[in-house]
Amino acid sequence: MNEGAAYWYTTCSRCRGQGRLFIMRELKNGTLYFHCEECEWGWREPATVGDVTAGFLTLEDEADAKLASREEIEAAGWTRFAAHGVEA
């Protein structure tokens, strides 16, 4: 994938697979999290992705974020969660 790539892990359990969970990076602190493109739900920990109660509504989060780059994903140790890539 090139610099314009977006990486996603799996489909969203909250909206029953309608959305993909993209890997995002918060701009302020560099923290990675999963963000559903469909329902706007997010998860901060990979182990909790299947648990809807462990997620949060990203629209209510004040932090600005962007799609995480491959380098940022690798640096955070999240490479195995970048299962799929698409052109952004």
Foldseek 3Di string as FASTA:
>chain_A
DDQQKWFFFAAALVVPRPWTFTWKAFPPPRQIWTATPPQQKIARDPVCRNPSVRIDRNVPDPTDIDGDGCVSCVVVVNNNRRPDMDGD
